[in-house]
Amino acid sequence: MRTARPKVSRCKSLAVAAAVSLAAAGCSSAGTSSTGSVPSEPTATSIGAGEGVLNVVAWAGYVEYGQDSASENWVAPFTAETGCKVNLTIGNTSDQMVQLMKTGKYDVVSASGDATLRLIYGGDVVPINTKLISTWSQIYPDLKDTAYNSVGGVSYGVPQGRGANLLMYNTTDFKTAPTSWSSVFDSSDYSSYAGKITDYNSPIYIADAALYLMKHNTSLGITNPYALDTTQLNAAVTLLKSQHSAVGSYWSNYQDEINAFESGNSTIGTTWQVTQNTIASDGKAKTQAVLPTEGATGWSDTWMVSSAKGTHTNCAYKWLNYISSATVNGHVAGYYGEAPANSQACTEAAKESGSADFCTQYHADDPSWWKNVYLWTTPTTKCLDGRTNVQCTDYADWEKAWTDITS
């Protein structure tokens, strides 16, 4: 783990790296009905000369030009190779990324699965021409043409990487290792350490409760934790409300969770592999992270191209090819702390991270492991589980529910 690595999060509370008013952009999102028409054909048929500029919205740690560490700079080689000057804006949350892309001022975005369908159905991004992506055959198959980055078999982006939302616990407090999410959702299990549970702070965390109910309350009929009708959503909300008094903290920046575990304020909760690795490296607390028997939710990011008029499409495609190459994708994954999307990136990821078994730790080459990880997918009114006899709840419903849960 590199100490210079930025303190990133899926809800990143970091300064914006370019002059833009996030207050003006807003932090709420419209619902995702999935009933509107979306572009079904790529607009790009070839890659021409770069336009000289590429405006990017990305998570911190994905686009490094030496701002966090002089040794971390993969923007300069890209600009030297293509002539495309990169202007970076850090997206602090998925909601902000959606709102920023709606302004039409950005060319590409590294969108997580809780934003991708909002961007697609909002008409803010266009399908990509996979024939123009030289690395497409190298991308792990289970990251392509998924429910969160494609519609009707049409791809809307190039995968970047993925991570699971694991269960982390303090090994000093737990003599017997927990193996189920019941340790945070069943009051009879967590009564002795109530107040020291930590949850991820986002509406998408409702899916974690839904996943638990999917395995433990089959009468609800949940088959996809992101496809919840009103009854199913209410059940997940009820579970999270009952847990609320036992939650000591909700985190979005992973450094906050590290501090909570190292100070003893948290003893168990949802986490990422990079958080476990960092705590182990610090040596201030003894923790372990596991994939519980029910499986887990997780996230995967996709590089998407804007639909706005005036998009620097050639520079955008040059970036997609560059950032998804084995060398650069591995470099980013090792620095950021995620399983790379490029199947040939593990050598570079190990080199960057300083860990020879990096891809083993992150299960990059283990597709069977990922079958038990339900990657974030934006809830839409059209049920993602295939049901047509009921309308499902969308992301706006989840936002309202999350405010109700945490208030």
Foldseek 3Di string as FASTA:
>chain_A
DDPLFDQWFQQAPDDWPDDDDLVVLDQDADWFAVPDDFAQDAPDDAFDAFPQEAEEEETPLLADCCPSHVVDHPQVVLCVVRNYHYDYTYRNHLSSVQSVLVVLPHFKYFHKQQNQSVCGSVRFFHFHDVVLAPQSVQFPPVVFPDQRADDPSTGFFAWQFKWFFWKKFFCVVPVDDDQAPCCQQPCVNVVVQFLQEEEAQDLLSLLQLLLNCVVVVVVLVDDASLFAAPVSSVVSLVSLLVSQRRHNYHDGRLVVVLVCQLVVSHGMYIDTLVSQVVNVVVVSTHMDIDQHPSGGAMMIIGMGTTPHPPRSVSSSSSVRNSCLDLQNSLLSCLSNPGQGRRNNNVVNSCVNNVHNCSCVSRVNVPVVSCVRYHYRHFRHQCGPVNDDPGGTGGPSVSVVSSVVSND
